Amino acid sequence: MMHQEHRESVCNILAIETSCDETSVAIVQNGKHVLSNLVSSQIETHKAFGGVVPEVASRKHVETITLMIEQAVEQSGLTLDDVSAVAVTEGPGLVGALLVGIMAAKSVAFALDKPLIGTHHIAGHIYANNLTADIVYPALALVVSGGHTELVLLEREGQFRLIGSTRDDAVGEAYDKVARALGFPYPGGPYVDRLAMEAESAVELPRAWLEPDSYDFSLSGLKSAVLNVVNQKKMRGEEPMTAEIARGFQESVVEVLVEKAIRAVKAYDVRQLLLCGGVAVNKGLRRTLTERCEREGIELLIPPFEYCTDNAAMIGAAAYLKWKTGEFSDLRIKGDPSLSLEKWSTASIG
């Protein structure tokens, strides 16, 4: 739904994020200034199940969302009358979880008679970088999260073009599966990262480069290779060399991510590389990518830890793109687990 372009000098977006197992509400001013950003994590709840249970996640969102909206407004120092628009993650994500946030956002937008902005979750991760720095175009985003591993070209503000994605497991998903094989609880990524950083040596594991000109990723073969090493050790009655396996796995993942990202930066002649998504907190990836970019003379943006994992501030940052172009959603929007990032691109440039 298109509206006339807004020219208010101050835009306060109330943003809601419930795509998976974090409930988050934020108030973001002009897509840059975070006035409040509350996050309620469900990790302890899902740990018992070894992964996120969608029905449980939805129920937890329902329990906390109303109170969090009230607290986010209170902490921002504003009132509901100061809210310019309401933004919410429309997809991708778990459909039941998305619906909780969407119903809450619709209710607030309707009650306040304010525009509603359905927002793409990955656009949020990318524009989290804009909360602490200025994105310069053209830019390239390396998106690494529990459900996504993608290279996204941003030729202009609000324009997204997918140039590479995973053909099977996402990076975060692969980390969790490898962690489970090594005996760690959910979420396993931080355990593998920490062990990898401490290990003296690494078990040699394969790199999935795919076709020479491909920017896609594949992690299922690497995950299988890790399971083979673990099982062979068990069959021989040996200790599985957990730290060395973790380091070998991490080195394989990081090398492919970094090499493909750097190759794409050069091929598309971009001015910045943006690291985005929950796996952007991974110390091994951050360090290797930072060192490589310094060596290549590439400007690298990485959001602070609190804006890497799922949060509503990033949704407020991305929604501001649509505010500037006057592209609003109507009250019939639904949760869309397969929402296209490219199609979500803004229709015009603000």
Protein backbone atom coordinates (compact mmCIF):
# COMPACT_ATOMS: atom_id res chain seq x y z
CA MET A 1 0.00 0.00 0.00
CA MET A 2 1.58 3.28 -1.13
CA HIS A 3 1.18 6.58 0.66
CA GLN A 4 2.55 10.00 -0.10
CA GLU A 5 6.18 10.41 0.89
CA HIS A 6 6.55 11.53 4.49
CA ARG A 7 8.64 14.55 5.26
CA GLU A 8 8.38 14.74 9.06
CA SER A 9 11.75 15.69 10.50
CA VAL A 10 11.40 13.09 13.27
CA CYS A 11 10.13 9.55 12.65
CA ASN A 12 9.70 7.33 15.71
CA ILE A 13 9.11 3.72 14.69
CA LEU A 14 7.75 1.23 17.23
CA ALA A 15 9.27 -2.06 16.01
CA ILE A 16 8.34 -5.64 16.92
CA GLU A 17 10.38 -8.80 16.20
CA THR A 18 9.03 -12.32 16.95
CA SER A 19 10.38 -14.41 14.06
CA CYS A 20 11.90 -17.21 16.15
CA ASP A 21 12.74 -17.53 19.85
CA GLU A 22 13.39 -13.92 20.85
CA THR A 23 10.61 -11.50 21.67
CA SER A 24 11.81 -7.96 21.07
CA VAL A 25 10.30 -4.47 20.97
CA ALA A 26 12.18 -1.25 20.20
CA ILE A 27 11.66 2.42 19.46
CA VAL A 28 13.99 3.68 16.71
CA GLN A 29 14.20 7.32 15.64
CA ASN A 30 14.92 8.13 11.98
CA GLY A 31 16.27 4.62 11.36
CA LYS A 32 19.44 5.41 13.34
CA HIS A 33 18.87 6.27 16.97
CA VAL A 34 17.79 3.46 19.31
CA LEU A 35 15.67 4.96 22.09
CA SER A 36 14.84 1.54 23.57
CA ASN A 37 15.46 -2.08 22.57
CA LEU A 38 14.10 -4.83 24.81
CA VAL A 39 14.87 -8.49 24.09
CA SER A 40 13.43 -11.49 25.92
CA SER A 41 15.27 -14.69 24.98
CA GLN A 42 13.70 -18.13 25.21
CA ILE A 43 16.98 -20.05 25.06
CA GLU A 44 16.57 -21.62 28.51
CA THR A 45 13.09 -22.85 27.59
CA HIS A 46 14.17 -24.49 24.32
CA LYS A 47 17.44 -25.91 25.69
CA ALA A 48 15.54 -28.85 27.19
CA PHE A 49 14.30 -29.82 23.71
CA GLY A 50 17.66 -29.43 21.94
CA GLY A 51 16.26 -26.81 19.57
CA VAL A 52 13.43 -24.33 19.03
CA VAL A 53 9.93 -25.82 19.36
CA PRO A 54 7.64 -23.57 17.24
CA GLU A 55 4.49 -24.02 19.33
CA VAL A 56 6.35 -23.26 22.56
CA ALA A 57 8.01 -20.21 20.96
CA SER A 58 4.63 -18.80 19.91
CA ARG A 59 3.20 -19.27 23.39
CA LYS A 60 6.16 -17.50 24.99
CA HIS A 61 5.77 -14.55 22.60
CA VAL A 62 2.09 -14.27 23.58
CA GLU A 63 3.03 -14.19 27.28
CA THR A 64 5.48 -11.30 26.99
CA ILE A 65 4.61 -9.13 24.00
CA THR A 66 2.08 -6.72 25.57
CA LEU A 67 4.22 -5.95 28.60
CA MET A 68 7.31 -5.47 26.41
CA ILE A 69 5.51 -2.95 24.19
CA GLU A 70 4.58 -0.93 27.29
CA GLN A 71 8.13 -1.12 28.68
CA ALA A 72 9.77 -0.19 25.37
CA VAL A 73 7.63 2.93 25.09
CA GLU A 74 8.31 3.83 28.72
CA GLN A 75 12.09 3.34 28.42
CA SER A 76 12.23 5.44 25.25
CA GLY A 77 10.99 8.50 27.14
CA LEU A 78 8.23 8.91 24.56
CA THR A 79 4.49 8.26 24.66
CA LEU A 80 2.37 6.28 22.21
CA ASP A 81 1.26 9.61 20.72
CA ASP A 82 4.88 10.19 19.61
CA VAL A 83 4.94 6.98 17.54
CA SER A 84 5.01 7.72 13.78
CA ALA A 85 4.58 4.13 12.53
CA VAL A 86 4.52 0.53 13.72
CA ALA A 87 6.93 -1.96 12.13
CA VAL A 88 6.90 -5.74 12.49
CA THR A 89 8.81 -8.68 11.08
CA GLU A 90 6.58 -10.12 8.35
CA GLY A 91 9.02 -12.93 7.42
CA PRO A 92 10.98 -15.08 7.06
CA GLY A 93 10.57 -17.00 10.32
CA LEU A 94 8.34 -19.49 12.11
CA VAL A 95 4.83 -18.73 10.95
CA GLY A 96 3.21 -19.08 14.40
CA ALA A 97 5.84 -16.90 16.02
CA LEU A 98 5.58 -14.27 13.28
CA LEU A 99 1.79 -14.13 13.71
CA VAL A 100 2.04 -13.16 17.38
CA GLY A 101 4.13 -10.09 16.53
CA ILE A 102 2.00 -9.23 13.51
CA MET A 103 -1.27 -9.37 15.49
CA ALA A 104 0.26 -7.16 18.20
CA ALA A 105 1.57 -4.68 15.61
CA LYS A 106 -1.76 -4.55 13.76
CA SER A 107 -3.57 -3.87 17.04
CA VAL A 108 -1.25 -1.00 18.00
CA ALA A 109 -1.26 0.51 14.49
CA PHE A 110 -5.06 0.31 14.31
CA ALA A 111 -5.55 1.76 17.80
CA LEU A 112 -3.15 4.66 17.14
CA ASP A 113 -4.27 5.11 13.51
CA LYS A 114 -0.62 4.93 12.42
CA PRO A 115 0.98 3.32 9.33
CA LEU A 116 1.95 -0.36 9.55
CA ILE A 117 5.24 -1.48 7.97
CA GLY A 118 5.72 -5.21 7.34
CA THR A 119 9.49 -5.69 7.43
CA HIS A 120 11.87 -8.34 6.08
CA HIS A 121 13.91 -10.07 8.80
CA ILE A 122 17.12 -10.22 6.73
CA ALA A 123 16.78 -6.57 5.68
CA GLY A 124 16.75 -5.94 9.44
CA HIS A 125 19.99 -7.86 9.96
CA ILE A 126 21.63 -5.94 7.11
CA TYR A 127 20.45 -2.52 8.29
CA ALA A 128 21.53 -3.24 11.87
CA ASN A 129 24.84 -1.94 10.52
CA ASN A 130 23.20 1.45 9.99
CA LEU A 131 22.51 1.81 13.72
CA THR A 132 26.19 2.38 14.55
CA ALA A 133 27.75 3.39 11.21
CA ASP A 134 26.80 4.79 7.81
CA ILE A 135 26.33 2.31 4.98
CA VAL A 136 27.97 3.51 1.75
CA TYR A 137 26.66 2.17 -1.57
CA PRO A 138 27.19 -0.01 -3.44
CA ALA A 139 27.71 -2.41 -0.54
CA LEU A 140 27.81 -6.18 -0.09
CA ALA A 141 26.23 -7.97 2.89
CA LEU A 142 27.41 -11.37 4.15
CA VAL A 143 24.40 -12.69 6.06
CA VAL A 144 25.15 -15.54 8.49
CA SER A 145 22.44 -16.72 10.87
CA GLY A 146 20.62 -19.80 12.16
CA GLY A 147 18.45 -20.03 9.05
CA HIS A 148 20.31 -17.99 6.42
CA THR A 149 23.70 -17.86 4.72
CA GLU A 150 23.61 -15.35 1.87
CA LEU A 151 25.60 -12.79 -0.08
CA VAL A 152 23.40 -9.77 -0.83
CA LEU A 153 24.36 -6.90 -3.13
CA LEU A 154 22.99 -3.46 -2.21
CA GLU A 155 23.48 -1.29 -5.29
CA ARG A 156 21.51 1.55 -3.68
CA GLU A 157 19.72 2.18 -0.39
CA GLY A 158 16.87 -0.27 0.07
CA GLN A 159 17.72 -2.31 -3.05
CA PHE A 160 18.59 -5.98 -2.42
CA ARG A 161 19.97 -8.46 -4.96
CA LEU A 162 20.79 -12.01 -3.88
CA ILE A 163 24.02 -13.18 -5.52
CA GLY A 164 24.67 -16.28 -3.39
CA SER A 165 22.92 -18.46 -0.81
CA THR A 166 23.25 -21.81 0.93
CA ARG A 167 22.09 -24.87 -0.97
CA ASP A 168 21.44 -26.85 2.20
CA ASP A 169 22.24 -26.02 5.83
CA ALA A 170 22.68 -22.44 7.04
CA VAL A 171 25.86 -21.70 9.01
CA GLY A 172 24.09 -21.42 12.38
CA GLU A 173 22.20 -24.64 11.71
CA ALA A 174 25.44 -26.48 10.85
CA TYR A 175 27.11 -25.19 14.03
CA ASP A 176 24.23 -26.47 16.16
CA LYS A 177 24.28 -29.91 14.50
CA VAL A 178 28.05 -30.24 14.88
CA ALA A 179 27.79 -29.09 18.51
CA ARG A 180 25.19 -31.79 19.18
CA ALA A 181 27.53 -34.42 17.66
CA LEU A 182 30.29 -33.19 19.97
CA GLY A 183 28.01 -33.45 23.01
CA PHE A 184 27.12 -29.78 23.59
CA PRO A 185 23.65 -28.44 24.48
CA TYR A 186 21.54 -26.11 22.31
CA PRO A 187 22.46 -23.50 21.12
CA GLY A 188 25.81 -25.04 20.27
CA GLY A 189 27.46 -22.34 18.17
CA PRO A 190 29.13 -20.46 21.04
CA TYR A 191 30.60 -23.73 22.45
CA VAL A 192 32.13 -24.67 19.09
CA ASP A 193 33.48 -21.14 18.60
CA ARG A 194 35.08 -21.06 22.04
CA LEU A 195 36.64 -24.53 21.68
CA ALA A 196 37.94 -23.71 18.21
CA MET A 197 39.66 -20.58 19.52
CA GLU A 198 41.35 -22.60 22.31
CA ALA A 199 42.49 -25.61 20.24
CA GLU A 200 46.21 -26.10 19.57
CA SER A 201 45.63 -27.88 16.24
CA ALA A 202 42.84 -28.70 13.80
CA VAL A 203 41.43 -31.87 12.26
CA GLU A 204 41.64 -31.37 8.49
CA LEU A 205 38.13 -31.15 7.02
CA PRO A 206 36.88 -30.47 3.45
CA ARG A 207 36.01 -27.07 1.96
CA ALA A 208 32.92 -26.86 -0.26
CA TRP A 209 33.86 -24.35 -2.99
CA LEU A 210 31.22 -25.57 -5.50
CA GLU A 211 31.56 -24.26 -9.09
CA PRO A 212 34.48 -21.87 -9.73
CA ASP A 213 32.23 -18.84 -10.34
CA SER A 214 29.60 -19.68 -7.70
CA TYR A 215 28.88 -17.50 -4.67
CA ASP A 216 26.63 -20.21 -3.17
CA PHE A 217 27.46 -22.17 -0.04
CA SER A 218 27.05 -25.80 0.98
CA LEU A 219 27.55 -27.12 4.51
CA SER A 220 25.89 -30.54 4.54
CA GLY A 221 29.04 -32.33 3.32
CA LEU A 222 31.18 -30.67 5.98
CA LYS A 223 28.66 -31.57 8.68
CA SER A 224 28.75 -35.21 7.46
CA ALA A 225 32.57 -35.18 7.52
CA VAL A 226 32.52 -34.07 11.16
CA LEU A 227 30.06 -36.86 12.05
CA ASN A 228 32.33 -39.39 10.29
CA VAL A 229 35.37 -38.29 12.33
CA VAL A 230 33.37 -38.46 15.59
CA ASN A 231 31.92 -41.91 14.77
CA GLN A 232 35.30 -43.35 13.70
CA LYS A 233 36.82 -42.23 16.99
CA LYS A 234 33.94 -43.78 18.95
CA MET A 235 34.23 -47.09 17.06
CA ARG A 236 37.91 -47.27 17.93
CA GLY A 237 37.13 -46.43 21.55
CA GLU A 238 39.16 -43.21 21.35
CA GLU A 239 38.39 -39.77 22.74
CA PRO A 240 36.90 -37.66 19.92
CA MET A 241 39.48 -34.77 20.02
CA THR A 242 36.59 -32.37 20.48
CA ALA A 243 38.59 -29.12 20.42
CA GLU A 244 40.56 -30.10 17.30
CA ILE A 245 37.35 -31.09 15.48
CA ALA A 246 35.71 -27.79 16.47
CA ARG A 247 38.69 -25.85 15.15
CA GLY A 248 38.79 -27.86 11.91
CA PHE A 249 35.06 -27.28 11.37
CA GLN A 250 35.28 -23.56 12.13
CA GLU A 251 38.33 -23.04 9.92
CA SER A 252 36.56 -24.76 7.01
CA VAL A 253 33.38 -22.68 7.41
CA VAL A 254 35.21 -19.38 7.92
CA GLU A 255 37.65 -19.86 5.03
CA VAL A 256 34.84 -20.42 2.50
CA LEU A 257 32.70 -17.56 3.86
CA VAL A 258 35.59 -15.10 3.84
CA GLU A 259 37.01 -16.10 0.43
CA LYS A 260 33.64 -15.91 -1.33
CA ALA A 261 32.77 -12.59 0.32
CA ILE A 262 36.12 -11.02 -0.64
CA ARG A 263 35.83 -12.36 -4.21
CA ALA A 264 32.33 -10.85 -4.51
CA VAL A 265 33.52 -7.49 -3.12
CA LYS A 266 36.11 -7.30 -5.90
CA ALA A 267 33.83 -8.63 -8.65
CA TYR A 268 31.05 -6.14 -7.92
CA ASP A 269 33.37 -3.24 -7.02
CA VAL A 270 31.51 -2.40 -3.80
CA ARG A 271 32.60 0.21 -1.29
CA GLN A 272 31.79 -1.68 1.92
CA LEU A 273 31.37 -5.23 3.21
CA LEU A 274 28.71 -5.69 5.89
CA LEU A 275 28.68 -8.68 8.24
CA CYS A 276 25.16 -9.42 9.51
CA GLY A 277 23.12 -12.01 11.39
CA GLY A 278 23.36 -14.02 14.60
CA VAL A 279 26.54 -15.88 13.58
CA ALA A 280 28.24 -12.47 13.20
CA VAL A 281 28.95 -12.79 16.95
CA ASN A 282 31.31 -15.69 16.15
CA LYS A 283 34.77 -14.58 17.24
CA GLY A 284 36.63 -16.73 14.73
CA LEU A 285 34.66 -15.32 11.80
CA ARG A 286 34.88 -11.71 13.05
CA ARG A 287 38.64 -11.94 13.56
CA THR A 288 39.45 -13.65 10.25
CA LEU A 289 37.20 -11.37 8.20
CA THR A 290 38.56 -8.25 9.95
CA GLU A 291 42.19 -9.28 9.33
CA ARG A 292 41.51 -10.14 5.68
CA CYS A 293 39.65 -6.88 5.01
CA GLU A 294 42.47 -4.85 6.59
CA ARG A 295 44.96 -6.66 4.35
CA GLU A 296 42.83 -6.06 1.23
CA GLY A 297 41.97 -2.45 2.09
CA ILE A 298 38.24 -3.19 2.30
CA GLU A 299 36.01 -1.26 4.68
CA LEU A 300 34.18 -3.74 6.93
CA LEU A 301 31.13 -3.00 9.07
CA ILE A 302 30.11 -5.37 11.88
CA PRO A 303 27.28 -4.44 14.27
CA PRO A 304 27.84 -4.65 18.04
CA PHE A 305 26.86 -8.02 19.56
CA GLU A 306 23.42 -6.80 20.73
CA TYR A 307 22.39 -5.92 17.16
CA CYS A 308 23.69 -9.16 15.58
CA THR A 309 21.24 -11.54 17.21
CA ASP A 310 17.50 -11.10 16.62
CA ASN A 311 16.28 -7.74 17.96
CA ALA A 312 13.61 -5.17 17.13
CA ALA A 313 16.00 -2.20 16.73
CA MET A 314 17.24 -3.69 13.45
CA ILE A 315 13.61 -4.02 12.28
CA GLY A 316 13.08 -0.33 13.07
CA ALA A 317 16.20 0.52 11.07
CA ALA A 318 15.02 -1.43 8.00
CA ALA A 319 11.42 -0.21 8.27
CA TYR A 320 12.65 3.39 7.99
CA LEU A 321 13.51 2.63 4.33
CA LYS A 322 9.80 2.03 3.67
CA TRP A 323 8.79 5.07 5.74
CA LYS A 324 10.89 7.29 3.50
CA THR A 325 9.27 5.92 0.33
CA GLY A 326 5.77 5.87 1.84
CA GLU A 327 5.32 2.13 1.25
CA PHE A 328 3.05 0.85 4.00
CA SER A 329 1.32 -2.47 4.62
CA ASP A 330 -2.39 -2.90 5.16
CA LEU A 331 -4.03 -4.70 8.06
CA ARG A 332 -4.42 -7.89 6.02
CA ILE A 333 -0.70 -8.85 6.14
CA LYS A 334 0.13 -12.33 7.39
CA GLY A 335 3.30 -14.04 8.50
CA ASP A 336 5.21 -15.10 5.39
CA PRO A 337 7.97 -17.67 6.11
CA SER A 338 9.24 -17.42 2.51
CA LEU A 339 9.09 -13.63 2.09
CA SER A 340 11.48 -12.58 -0.71
CA LEU A 341 14.19 -10.08 0.23
CA GLU A 342 14.56 -8.91 -3.38
CA LYS A 343 10.81 -8.26 -3.71
CA TRP A 344 10.82 -6.38 -0.38
CA SER A 345 13.25 -3.81 -1.90
CA THR A 346 11.96 -0.25 -1.81
CA ALA A 347 10.12 0.98 -4.90
CA SER A 348 11.90 4.34 -4.96
CA ILE A 349 14.93 5.84 -3.30
CA GLY A 350 14.53 8.29 -0.45
